[in-house]
Amino acid sequence: MAVADGEIILHHYDTSPFSEKIRLMLGLKGLAWRSVLTPNMMPKPDLVPLTGGYRRAPVMQIGADVFCDSQVILAEIERLQPEPRAVVGPAFAVNLWADRLFFQPSVAVIFGQIGDSVPRSFIEDREKMAGAAFNIAGMKAAARPMRAQWRAHCAWIEQALESQDSPFLAGDKPSLCDISAYMNVWFLAGALPDVAQSLMAGLDRVHAWRGRVAAIGHGRRSELSGAEALEIARANQPGPTLAHESADPLGLDPGAAVVVMADDYGRDPIPGSLVAANRARITIARDEPSLGRLNLHFPRVGFTVARAPAPAQ
């Protein structure tokens, strides 16, 4: 099937909690999008050429523009399709809470229970990504106290819904606040439904809210192969970018050779030429031999950018 100019291509896998946020955002906006299923571990031969080494899911592609990390993907979807409005109030602060503080007990609870059945290849992949041991024994030990923390996080959702007596966290309409907070509920319920049910016992508003968020749906999804997505990147040039801010604290000018890295895990250094740095995102250009010029976009919060070291003489 042909892909229209500017069409959204999402590289993801169906059990990815961070990808679920993007699928729901696309549903909230009522958008059509192309789905490229990528493996949940390396190697990812149809993704890494686009990203220069960035390995995490999801990644969004629009022609020769590649958006790495769910935070910048959500922001770009909101920019491209402002209505219905999704980014309201402290939406991105809620998103960061869900990604980090709420996600940590989710991982401990899930892998503390299923860790013995996790394939060794998955463990080795996550150890390479994190740069640390994937400590199943430690997760088992932490699982019970982390269940209490998970329920406490979920109770914040209950409290927010109760305090304003509204169907969604920001009022009468769903927003990014709901999509972000829902991620960990969806993740635990998909992996360990009985555990999720027990940890949400008595959180009646959360149960009802959960159904309303799920009902947003995923928009209009159709499948695309990874090879087709690479061909689309090859056939296009990057589009216009957000403006560079000369007052950026790093003091780097467009054209500078830089390296971008996540600041938590999956810290693969992504080299490129700075296109723009501003308060919202970092954009770098890369020349990929098999694809040509690509622009890669990263969120500012959660990523670092530094001048690339000078080549050895």
C-alpha atoms as a PDB file:
ATOM      1  CA  MET A   1       0.000   0.000   0.000  1.00  0.00           C
ATOM      2  CA  ALA A   2       1.322   3.438  -0.876  1.00  0.00           C
ATOM      3  CA  VAL A   3       2.190   5.850   1.922  1.00  0.00           C
ATOM      4  CA  ALA A   4       0.997   9.438   1.614  1.00  0.00           C
ATOM      5  CA  ASP A   5       3.397  12.331   2.079  1.00  0.00           C
ATOM      6  CA  GLY A   6       3.681  13.219   5.739  1.00  0.00           C
ATOM      7  CA  GLU A   7       2.029  10.020   6.932  1.00  0.00           C
ATOM      8  CA  ILE A   8       2.897   8.850  10.430  1.00  0.00           C
ATOM      9  CA  ILE A   9       4.857   5.603  10.666  1.00  0.00           C
ATOM     10  CA  LEU A  10       5.189   4.116  14.147  1.00  0.00           C
ATOM     11  CA  HIS A  11       7.966   1.612  14.833  1.00  0.00           C
ATOM     12  CA  HIS A  12       6.742  -0.303  17.910  1.00  0.00           C
ATOM     13  CA  TYR A  13       5.757  -3.672  19.304  1.00  0.00           C
ATOM     14  CA  ASP A  14       2.342  -4.481  20.664  1.00  0.00           C
ATOM     15  CA  THR A  15       3.351  -5.228  24.275  1.00  0.00           C
ATOM     16  CA  SER A  16       5.445  -2.040  24.651  1.00  0.00           C
ATOM     17  CA  PRO A  17       3.923   0.196  27.373  1.00  0.00           C
ATOM     18  CA  PHE A  18       5.577   3.329  25.998  1.00  0.00           C
ATOM     19  CA  SER A  19       4.189   2.521  22.558  1.00  0.00           C
ATOM     20  CA  GLU A  20       0.706   2.164  24.046  1.00  0.00           C
ATOM     21  CA  LYS A  21       0.830   5.847  24.975  1.00  0.00           C
ATOM     22  CA  ILE A  22       1.487   6.759  21.348  1.00  0.00           C
ATOM     23  CA  ARG A  23      -1.226   4.447  20.033  1.00  0.00           C
ATOM     24  CA  LEU A  24      -3.739   6.071  22.389  1.00  0.00           C
ATOM     25  CA  MET A  25      -2.574   9.576  21.422  1.00  0.00           C
ATOM     26  CA  LEU A  26      -3.159   8.682  17.778  1.00  0.00           C
ATOM     27  CA  GLY A  27      -6.589   7.411  18.763  1.00  0.00           C
ATOM     28  CA  LEU A  28      -7.399  10.575  20.683  1.00  0.00           C
ATOM     29  CA  LYS A  29      -6.506  12.617  17.613  1.00  0.00           C
ATOM     30  CA  GLY A  30      -8.440  10.293  15.287  1.00  0.00           C
ATOM     31  CA  LEU A  31      -5.403   9.808  13.063  1.00  0.00           C
ATOM     32  CA  ALA A  32      -4.504   7.187  10.491  1.00  0.00           C
ATOM     33  CA  TRP A  33      -1.025   5.701  10.865  1.00  0.00           C
ATOM     34  CA  ARG A  34       1.213   2.941   9.570  1.00  0.00           C
ATOM     35  CA  SER A  35       2.470   0.263  11.945  1.00  0.00           C
ATOM     36  CA  VAL A  36       5.965  -1.220  11.626  1.00  0.00           C
ATOM     37  CA  LEU A  37       6.483  -3.985  14.158  1.00  0.00           C
ATOM     38  CA  THR A  38      10.017  -3.963  15.517  1.00  0.00           C
ATOM     39  CA  PRO A  39      11.560  -6.678  17.737  1.00  0.00           C
ATOM     40  CA  ASN A  40      11.532  -6.111  21.495  1.00  0.00           C
ATOM     41  CA  MET A  41      15.291  -6.713  21.615  1.00  0.00           C
ATOM     42  CA  MET A  42      18.323  -6.312  19.381  1.00  0.00           C
ATOM     43  CA  PRO A  43      19.090  -6.794  16.556  1.00  0.00           C
ATOM     44  CA  LYS A  44      16.715  -4.306  14.931  1.00  0.00           C
ATOM     45  CA  PRO A  45      17.979  -4.118  11.355  1.00  0.00           C
ATOM     46  CA  ASP A  46      15.092  -2.012  10.050  1.00  0.00           C
ATOM     47  CA  LEU A  47      15.221   0.504  12.905  1.00  0.00           C
ATOM     48  CA  VAL A  48      18.871   1.236  13.737  1.00  0.00           C
ATOM     49  CA  PRO A  49      19.686   2.658  10.268  1.00  0.00           C
ATOM     50  CA  LEU A  50      16.970   5.259  10.896  1.00  0.00           C
ATOM     51  CA  THR A  51      18.080   6.139  14.416  1.00  0.00           C
ATOM     52  CA  GLY A  52      21.864   5.939  14.251  1.00  0.00           C
ATOM     53  CA  GLY A  53      21.906   3.407  17.097  1.00  0.00           C
ATOM     54  CA  TYR A  54      18.958   4.435  19.254  1.00  0.00           C
ATOM     55  CA  ARG A  55      17.256   1.132  20.114  1.00  0.00           C
ATOM     56  CA  ARG A  56      14.249   1.882  22.325  1.00  0.00           C
ATOM     57  CA  ALA A  57      10.615   1.636  21.241  1.00  0.00           C
ATOM     58  CA  PRO A  58       8.668   3.511  20.086  1.00  0.00           C
ATOM     59  CA  VAL A  59      10.159   5.540  17.243  1.00  0.00           C
ATOM     60  CA  MET A  60       8.027   7.657  14.937  1.00  0.00           C
ATOM     61  CA  GLN A  61       8.992   8.336  11.330  1.00  0.00           C
ATOM     62  CA  ILE A  62       7.564  10.931   8.971  1.00  0.00           C
ATOM     63  CA  GLY A  63       9.444  10.679   5.695  1.00  0.00           C
ATOM     64  CA  ALA A  64      13.093  11.370   6.547  1.00  0.00           C
ATOM     65  CA  ASP A  65      12.303  12.804   9.995  1.00  0.00           C
ATOM     66  CA  VAL A  66      12.760  10.369  12.882  1.00  0.00           C
ATOM     67  CA  PHE A  67      11.406  11.035  16.383  1.00  0.00           C
ATOM     68  CA  CYS A  68      13.128   9.121  19.195  1.00  0.00           C
ATOM     69  CA  ASP A  69      11.425   8.673  22.595  1.00  0.00           C
ATOM     70  CA  SER A  70       7.727   8.795  23.392  1.00  0.00           C
ATOM     71  CA  GLN A  71       7.975  12.308  24.890  1.00  0.00           C
ATOM     72  CA  VAL A  72       8.988  13.997  21.643  1.00  0.00           C
ATOM     73  CA  ILE A  73       6.600  11.799  19.654  1.00  0.00           C
ATOM     74  CA  LEU A  74       3.670  12.932  21.793  1.00  0.00           C
ATOM     75  CA  ALA A  75       4.719  16.569  21.410  1.00  0.00           C
ATOM     76  CA  GLU A  76       5.020  16.266  17.634  1.00  0.00           C
ATOM     77  CA  ILE A  77       1.609  14.625  17.277  1.00  0.00           C
ATOM     78  CA  GLU A  78       0.107  17.464  19.325  1.00  0.00           C
ATOM     79  CA  ARG A  79       1.860  20.020  17.106  1.00  0.00           C
ATOM     80  CA  LEU A  80       0.712  18.374  13.892  1.00  0.00           C
ATOM     81  CA  GLN A  81      -2.875  17.853  15.054  1.00  0.00           C
ATOM     82  CA  PRO A  82      -3.742  20.435  17.745  1.00  0.00           C
ATOM     83  CA  GLU A  83      -7.397  19.389  18.032  1.00  0.00           C
ATOM     84  CA  PRO A  84      -8.743  17.855  20.118  1.00  0.00           C
ATOM     85  CA  ARG A  85      -6.241  19.333  22.529  1.00  0.00           C
ATOM     86  CA  ALA A  86      -4.320  16.745  24.534  1.00  0.00           C
ATOM     87  CA  VAL A  87      -1.515  18.707  26.225  1.00  0.00           C
ATOM     88  CA  VAL A  88      -3.222  20.560  29.076  1.00  0.00           C
ATOM     89  CA  GLY A  89      -1.979  21.702  32.479  1.00  0.00           C
ATOM     90  CA  PRO A  90       0.946  19.653  33.819  1.00  0.00           C
ATOM     91  CA  ALA A  91       0.561  16.957  31.148  1.00  0.00           C
ATOM     92  CA  PHE A  92       4.253  16.474  30.453  1.00  0.00           C
ATOM     93  CA  ALA A  93       5.081  16.444  34.169  1.00  0.00           C
ATOM     94  CA  VAL A  94       2.511  13.657  34.577  1.00  0.00           C
ATOM     95  CA  ASN A  95       4.123  11.932  31.600  1.00  0.00           C
ATOM     96  CA  LEU A  96       7.580  12.018  33.202  1.00  0.00           C
ATOM     97  CA  TRP A  97       6.155  10.692  36.490  1.00  0.00           C
ATOM     98  CA  ALA A  98       4.568   7.793  34.614  1.00  0.00           C
ATOM     99  CA  ASP A  99       7.728   7.077  32.623  1.00  0.00           C
ATOM    100  CA  ARG A 100      10.057   6.951  35.601  1.00  0.00           C
ATOM    101  CA  LEU A 101       8.622   6.985  39.129  1.00  0.00           C
ATOM    102  CA  PHE A 102       5.524   4.871  38.379  1.00  0.00           C
ATOM    103  CA  PHE A 103       7.262   2.653  35.827  1.00  0.00           C
ATOM    104  CA  GLN A 104       9.956   1.476  38.255  1.00  0.00           C
ATOM    105  CA  PRO A 105       7.577  -0.391  40.596  1.00  0.00           C
ATOM    106  CA  SER A 106       5.713  -1.750  37.567  1.00  0.00           C
ATOM    107  CA  VAL A 107       8.924  -3.381  36.312  1.00  0.00           C
ATOM    108  CA  ALA A 108       9.793  -4.751  39.755  1.00  0.00           C
ATOM    109  CA  VAL A 109       6.333  -6.221  40.322  1.00  0.00           C
ATOM    110  CA  ILE A 110       6.135  -7.819  36.870  1.00  0.00           C
ATOM    111  CA  PHE A 111       9.641  -9.213  36.573  1.00  0.00           C
ATOM    112  CA  GLY A 112       9.759 -10.175  40.240  1.00  0.00           C
ATOM    113  CA  GLN A 113       7.019 -12.648  39.406  1.00  0.00           C
ATOM    114  CA  ILE A 114       7.823 -13.746  35.844  1.00  0.00           C
ATOM    115  CA  GLY A 115      11.612 -13.372  35.986  1.00  0.00           C
ATOM    116  CA  ASP A 116      12.381 -17.090  36.076  1.00  0.00           C
ATOM    117  CA  SER A 117      10.605 -17.594  32.743  1.00  0.00           C
ATOM    118  CA  VAL A 118      12.240 -14.645  30.938  1.00  0.00           C
ATOM    119  CA  PRO A 119      14.494 -15.818  28.075  1.00  0.00           C
ATOM    120  CA  ARG A 120      18.213 -15.375  28.638  1.00  0.00           C
ATOM    121  CA  SER A 121      18.457 -13.447  25.362  1.00  0.00           C
ATOM    122  CA  PHE A 122      16.023 -10.824  26.705  1.00  0.00           C
ATOM    123  CA  ILE A 123      17.956 -10.489  29.957  1.00  0.00           C
ATOM    124  CA  GLU A 124      21.239 -10.019  28.091  1.00  0.00           C
ATOM    125  CA  ASP A 125      19.665  -7.410  25.823  1.00  0.00           C
ATOM    126  CA  ARG A 126      18.327  -5.403  28.763  1.00  0.00           C
ATOM    127  CA  GLU A 127      21.676  -5.633  30.541  1.00  0.00           C
ATOM    128  CA  LYS A 128      23.391  -4.147  27.505  1.00  0.00           C
ATOM    129  CA  MET A 129      20.749  -1.428  27.290  1.00  0.00           C
ATOM    130  CA  ALA A 130      20.942  -0.519  30.977  1.00  0.00           C
ATOM    131  CA  GLY A 131      24.680  -1.032  31.428  1.00  0.00           C
ATOM    132  CA  ALA A 132      23.901  -2.999  34.588  1.00  0.00           C
ATOM    133  CA  ALA A 133      22.786  -6.448  35.698  1.00  0.00           C
ATOM    134  CA  PHE A 134      19.164  -7.405  35.103  1.00  0.00           C
ATOM    135  CA  ASN A 135      18.816  -8.561  38.694  1.00  0.00           C
ATOM    136  CA  ILE A 136      15.937 -11.047  38.844  1.00  0.00           C
ATOM    137  CA  ALA A 137      16.737 -12.002  42.455  1.00  0.00           C
ATOM    138  CA  GLY A 138      16.692  -8.352  43.445  1.00  0.00           C
ATOM    139  CA  MET A 139      13.372  -7.817  41.686  1.00  0.00           C
ATOM    140  CA  LYS A 140      11.904 -10.817  43.489  1.00  0.00           C
ATOM    141  CA  ALA A 141      13.023  -9.375  46.813  1.00  0.00           C
ATOM    142  CA  ALA A 142      11.619  -5.959  45.910  1.00  0.00           C
ATOM    143  CA  ALA A 143       8.343  -7.202  44.439  1.00  0.00           C
ATOM    144  CA  ARG A 144       6.291  -7.126  47.652  1.00  0.00           C
ATOM    145  CA  PRO A 145       7.285  -3.619  48.820  1.00  0.00           C
ATOM    146  CA  MET A 146       7.009  -2.421  45.215  1.00  0.00           C
ATOM    147  CA  ARG A 147       3.432  -3.728  45.090  1.00  0.00           C
ATOM    148  CA  ALA A 148       2.632  -1.334  47.916  1.00  0.00           C
ATOM    149  CA  GLN A 149       4.302   1.503  46.022  1.00  0.00           C
ATOM    150  CA  TRP A 150       2.472   0.599  42.814  1.00  0.00           C
ATOM    151  CA  ARG A 151      -0.866   0.760  44.625  1.00  0.00           C
ATOM    152  CA  ALA A 152       0.106   4.115  46.162  1.00  0.00           C
ATOM    153  CA  HIS A 153       0.851   5.549  42.725  1.00  0.00           C
ATOM    154  CA  CYS A 154      -2.454   4.215  41.427  1.00  0.00           C
ATOM    155  CA  ALA A 155      -4.236   5.737  44.430  1.00  0.00           C
ATOM    156  CA  TRP A 156      -3.035   9.156  43.284  1.00  0.00           C
ATOM    157  CA  ILE A 157      -5.075   8.632  40.132  1.00  0.00           C
ATOM    158  CA  GLU A 158      -8.082   7.713  42.290  1.00  0.00           C
ATOM    159  CA  GLN A 159      -7.574  10.821  44.419  1.00  0.00           C
ATOM    160  CA  ALA A 160      -7.299  13.099  41.387  1.00  0.00           C
ATOM    161  CA  LEU A 161     -10.496  11.729  39.867  1.00  0.00           C
ATOM    162  CA  GLU A 162     -12.327  12.032  43.184  1.00  0.00           C
ATOM    163  CA  SER A 163     -11.106  15.530  44.012  1.00  0.00           C
ATOM    164  CA  GLN A 164     -12.639  17.087  40.921  1.00  0.00           C
ATOM    165  CA  ASP A 165     -15.403  14.528  40.378  1.00  0.00           C
ATOM    166  CA  SER A 166     -14.622  14.286  36.675  1.00  0.00           C
ATOM    167  CA  PRO A 167     -14.358  11.359  34.262  1.00  0.00           C
ATOM    168  CA  PHE A 168     -10.773  12.228  33.298  1.00  0.00           C
ATOM    169  CA  LEU A 169      -7.747  13.640  35.089  1.00  0.00           C
ATOM    170  CA  ALA A 170      -7.971  17.077  33.466  1.00  0.00           C
ATOM    171  CA  GLY A 171     -11.759  17.365  33.356  1.00  0.00           C
ATOM    172  CA  ASP A 172     -14.516  16.130  31.104  1.00  0.00           C
ATOM    173  CA  LYS A 173     -12.299  15.214  28.154  1.00  0.00           C
ATOM    174  CA  PRO A 174      -9.353  12.839  27.892  1.00  0.00           C
ATOM    175  CA  SER A 175      -5.880  14.332  27.673  1.00  0.00           C
ATOM    176  CA  LEU A 176      -2.232  13.370  27.755  1.00  0.00           C
ATOM    177  CA  CYS A 177      -2.549  13.230  31.551  1.00  0.00           C
ATOM    178  CA  ASP A 178      -4.846  10.232  31.187  1.00  0.00           C
ATOM    179  CA  ILE A 179      -2.827   8.560  28.440  1.00  0.00           C
ATOM    180  CA  SER A 180       0.377   8.830  30.484  1.00  0.00           C
ATOM    181  CA  ALA A 181      -1.097   7.714  33.814  1.00  0.00           C
ATOM    182  CA  TYR A 182      -2.864   4.796  32.131  1.00  0.00           C
ATOM    183  CA  MET A 183       0.379   3.333  30.760  1.00  0.00           C
ATOM    184  CA  ASN A 184       1.395   1.484  33.925  1.00  0.00           C
ATOM    185  CA  VAL A 185      -2.120   0.261  34.649  1.00  0.00           C
ATOM    186  CA  TRP A 186      -2.237  -1.177  31.106  1.00  0.00           C
ATOM    187  CA  PHE A 187       1.258  -2.681  31.469  1.00  0.00           C
ATOM    188  CA  LEU A 188       0.600  -4.498  34.754  1.00  0.00           C
ATOM    189  CA  ALA A 189      -2.903  -5.599  33.774  1.00  0.00           C
ATOM    190  CA  GLY A 190      -1.594  -7.070  30.532  1.00  0.00           C
ATOM    191  CA  ALA A 191       1.272  -8.941  32.178  1.00  0.00           C
ATOM    192  CA  LEU A 192      -0.325  -9.987  35.492  1.00  0.00           C
ATOM    193  CA  PRO A 193      -4.081  -9.371  35.413  1.00  0.00           C
ATOM    194  CA  ASP A 194      -4.771 -10.996  38.796  1.00  0.00           C
ATOM    195  CA  VAL A 195      -2.072  -8.937  40.486  1.00  0.00           C
ATOM    196  CA  ALA A 196      -3.363  -5.737  38.887  1.00  0.00           C
ATOM    197  CA  GLN A 197      -6.886  -6.545  40.017  1.00  0.00           C
ATOM    198  CA  SER A 198      -5.757  -7.075  43.602  1.00  0.00           C
ATOM    199  CA  LEU A 199      -3.655  -3.902  43.692  1.00  0.00           C
ATOM    200  CA  MET A 200      -6.563  -1.825  42.376  1.00  0.00           C
ATOM    201  CA  ALA A 201      -9.061  -3.287  44.853  1.00  0.00           C
ATOM    202  CA  GLY A 202     -11.263  -0.520  46.212  1.00  0.00           C
ATOM    203  CA  LEU A 203     -10.067   2.002  43.611  1.00  0.00           C
ATOM    204  CA  ASP A 204     -13.464   2.116  41.946  1.00  0.00           C
ATOM    205  CA  ARG A 205     -12.891   5.383  40.093  1.00  0.00           C
ATOM    206  CA  VAL A 206      -9.681   4.016  38.608  1.00  0.00           C
ATOM    207  CA  HIS A 207     -11.535   0.958  37.319  1.00  0.00           C
ATOM    208  CA  ALA A 208     -14.153   3.098  35.577  1.00  0.00           C
ATOM    209  CA  TRP A 209     -11.524   5.555  34.283  1.00  0.00           C
ATOM    210  CA  ARG A 210      -9.442   2.708  32.932  1.00  0.00           C
ATOM    211  CA  GLY A 211     -12.332   1.588  30.744  1.00  0.00           C
ATOM    212  CA  ARG A 212     -12.890   5.114  29.449  1.00  0.00           C
ATOM    213  CA  VAL A 213      -9.226   5.524  28.502  1.00  0.00           C
ATOM    214  CA  ALA A 214      -9.114   2.159  26.742  1.00  0.00           C
ATOM    215  CA  ALA A 215     -12.192   3.182  24.772  1.00  0.00           C
ATOM    216  CA  ILE A 216     -10.187   6.007  23.140  1.00  0.00           C
ATOM    217  CA  GLY A 217      -8.780   3.352  20.838  1.00  0.00           C
ATOM    218  CA  HIS A 218      -5.769   3.479  18.548  1.00  0.00           C
ATOM    219  CA  GLY A 219      -6.992   5.442  15.555  1.00  0.00           C
ATOM    220  CA  ARG A 220      -6.776   3.892  12.106  1.00  0.00           C
ATOM    221  CA  ARG A 221      -3.853   1.474  11.989  1.00  0.00           C
ATOM    222  CA  SER A 222      -2.538  -0.302   8.904  1.00  0.00           C
ATOM    223  CA  GLU A 223       0.586  -2.406   8.572  1.00  0.00           C
ATOM    224  CA  LEU A 224       3.838  -1.580   6.793  1.00  0.00           C
ATOM    225  CA  SER A 225       7.076  -3.542   6.548  1.00  0.00           C
ATOM    226  CA  GLY A 226      10.362  -2.298   7.910  1.00  0.00           C
ATOM    227  CA  ALA A 227      11.880  -2.466   4.418  1.00  0.00           C
ATOM    228  CA  GLU A 228       9.098  -0.241   3.084  1.00  0.00           C
ATOM    229  CA  ALA A 229       9.699   2.270   5.881  1.00  0.00           C
ATOM    230  CA  LEU A 230      13.403   2.437   5.013  1.00  0.00           C
ATOM    231  CA  GLU A 231      12.539   3.027   1.370  1.00  0.00           C
ATOM    232  CA  ILE A 232      10.282   5.909   2.394  1.00  0.00           C
ATOM    233  CA  ALA A 233      13.158   7.494   4.332  1.00  0.00           C
ATOM    234  CA  ARG A 234      15.445   7.014   1.329  1.00  0.00           C
ATOM    235  CA  ALA A 235      12.965   8.703  -1.016  1.00  0.00           C
ATOM    236  CA  ASN A 236      12.452  11.804   1.157  1.00  0.00           C
ATOM    237  CA  GLN A 237      14.310  14.774   2.571  1.00  0.00           C
ATOM    238  CA  PRO A 238      13.847  16.102   6.124  1.00  0.00           C
ATOM    239  CA  GLY A 239      11.116  18.684   6.576  1.00  0.00           C
ATOM    240  CA  PRO A 240      11.269  22.074   8.336  1.00  0.00           C
ATOM    241  CA  THR A 241      12.362  22.029  11.984  1.00  0.00           C
ATOM    242  CA  LEU A 242      11.508  24.068  15.037  1.00  0.00           C
ATOM    243  CA  ALA A 243      13.691  27.169  15.363  1.00  0.00           C
ATOM    244  CA  HIS A 244      17.052  27.121  17.122  1.00  0.00           C
ATOM    245  CA  GLU A 245      17.171  29.261  20.276  1.00  0.00           C
ATOM    246  CA  SER A 246      20.333  31.333  20.449  1.00  0.00           C
ATOM    247  CA  ALA A 247      19.845  31.653  24.215  1.00  0.00           C
ATOM    248  CA  ASP A 248      20.109  27.895  24.691  1.00  0.00           C
ATOM    249  CA  PRO A 249      22.266  27.219  27.773  1.00  0.00           C
ATOM    250  CA  LEU A 250      24.651  24.912  25.904  1.00  0.00           C
ATOM    251  CA  GLY A 251      25.850  27.669  23.597  1.00  0.00           C
ATOM    252  CA  LEU A 252      26.092  25.356  20.597  1.00  0.00           C
ATOM    253  CA  ASP A 253      25.485  26.702  17.107  1.00  0.00           C
ATOM    254  CA  PRO A 254      23.723  24.880  14.261  1.00  0.00           C
ATOM    255  CA  GLY A 255      26.234  22.805  12.342  1.00  0.00           C
ATOM    256  CA  ALA A 256      28.225  21.817  15.429  1.00  0.00           C
ATOM    257  CA  ALA A 257      29.204  18.159  15.657  1.00  0.00           C
ATOM    258  CA  VAL A 258      27.359  16.769  18.663  1.00  0.00           C
ATOM    259  CA  VAL A 259      26.456  13.540  20.441  1.00  0.00           C
ATOM    260  CA  VAL A 260      22.997  12.934  21.935  1.00  0.00           C
ATOM    261  CA  MET A 261      22.310  10.350  24.663  1.00  0.00           C
ATOM    262  CA  ALA A 262      19.481   9.353  26.973  1.00  0.00           C
ATOM    263  CA  ASP A 263      20.249  10.166  30.600  1.00  0.00           C
ATOM    264  CA  ASP A 264      18.668   7.080  32.181  1.00  0.00           C
ATOM    265  CA  TYR A 265      19.225   3.850  30.210  1.00  0.00           C
ATOM    266  CA  GLY A 266      19.812   2.859  26.614  1.00  0.00           C
ATOM    267  CA  ARG A 267      22.593   5.453  26.535  1.00  0.00           C
ATOM    268  CA  ASP A 268      23.775   4.670  23.038  1.00  0.00           C
ATOM    269  CA  PRO A 269      25.596   7.797  21.800  1.00  0.00           C
ATOM    270  CA  ILE A 270      23.959   9.171  18.640  1.00  0.00           C
ATOM    271  CA  PRO A 271      26.340  11.428  16.669  1.00  0.00           C
ATOM    272  CA  GLY A 272      25.214  14.069  14.218  1.00  0.00           C
ATOM    273  CA  SER A 273      25.281  17.705  13.204  1.00  0.00           C
ATOM    274  CA  LEU A 274      23.172  20.067  15.301  1.00  0.00           C
ATOM    275  CA  VAL A 275      20.199  21.455  13.404  1.00  0.00           C
ATOM    276  CA  ALA A 276      18.410  23.125  16.296  1.00  0.00           C
ATOM    277  CA  ALA A 277      18.317  23.110  20.082  1.00  0.00           C
ATOM    278  CA  ASN A 278      15.496  24.754  21.981  1.00  0.00           C
ATOM    279  CA  ARG A 279      13.586  24.357  25.216  1.00  0.00           C
ATOM    280  CA  ALA A 280      11.510  21.467  23.828  1.00  0.00           C
ATOM    281  CA  ARG A 281      13.763  19.321  21.676  1.00  0.00           C
ATOM    282  CA  ILE A 282      17.122  18.630  20.082  1.00  0.00           C
ATOM    283  CA  THR A 283      17.315  18.012  16.337  1.00  0.00           C
ATOM    284  CA  ILE A 284      20.409  16.592  14.690  1.00  0.00           C
ATOM    285  CA  ALA A 285      21.147  15.687  11.083  1.00  0.00           C
ATOM    286  CA  ARG A 286      22.783  12.430  10.095  1.00  0.00           C
ATOM    287  CA  ASP A 287      23.974  11.152   6.727  1.00  0.00           C
ATOM    288  CA  GLU A 288      23.182   7.462   6.655  1.00  0.00           C
ATOM    289  CA  PRO A 289      25.015   5.799   3.735  1.00  0.00           C
ATOM    290  CA  SER A 290      22.071   3.593   2.799  1.00  0.00           C
ATOM    291  CA  LEU A 291      19.358   6.243   3.309  1.00  0.00           C
ATOM    292  CA  GLY A 292      20.806   9.724   2.786  1.00  0.00           C
ATOM    293  CA  ARG A 293      20.120  12.731   5.008  1.00  0.00           C
ATOM    294  CA  LEU A 294      17.902  12.165   8.057  1.00  0.00           C
ATOM    295  CA  ASN A 295      16.842  14.514  10.838  1.00  0.00           C
ATOM    296  CA  LEU A 296      16.589  12.919  14.276  1.00  0.00           C
ATOM    297  CA  HIS A 297      14.506  14.587  16.996  1.00  0.00           C
ATOM    298  CA  PHE A 298      14.940  13.990  20.753  1.00  0.00           C
ATOM    299  CA  PRO A 299      13.165  15.536  23.752  1.00  0.00           C
ATOM    300  CA  ARG A 300      15.135  17.969  25.869  1.00  0.00           C
ATOM    301  CA  VAL A 301      14.081  16.495  29.198  1.00  0.00           C
ATOM    302  CA  GLY A 302      15.686  13.084  29.608  1.00  0.00           C
ATOM    303  CA  PHE A 303      18.435  13.538  27.010  1.00  0.00           C
ATOM    304  CA  THR A 304      21.841  15.202  26.982  1.00  0.00           C
ATOM    305  CA  VAL A 305      23.642  16.820  24.080  1.00  0.00           C
ATOM    306  CA  ALA A 306      27.341  17.629  24.046  1.00  0.00           C
ATOM    307  CA  ARG A 307      29.944  18.678  21.547  1.00  0.00           C
ATOM    308  CA  ALA A 308      31.439  15.622  19.837  1.00  0.00           C
ATOM    309  CA  PRO A 309      35.065  14.899  20.767  1.00  0.00           C
ATOM    310  CA  ALA A 310      37.605  15.938  18.183  1.00  0.00           C
ATOM    311  CA  PRO A 311      38.780  13.075  15.959  1.00  0.00           C
ATOM    312  CA  ALA A 312      42.095  11.545  16.904  1.00  0.00           C
ATOM    313  CA  GLN A 313      45.080  12.852  14.920  1.00  0.00           C
END
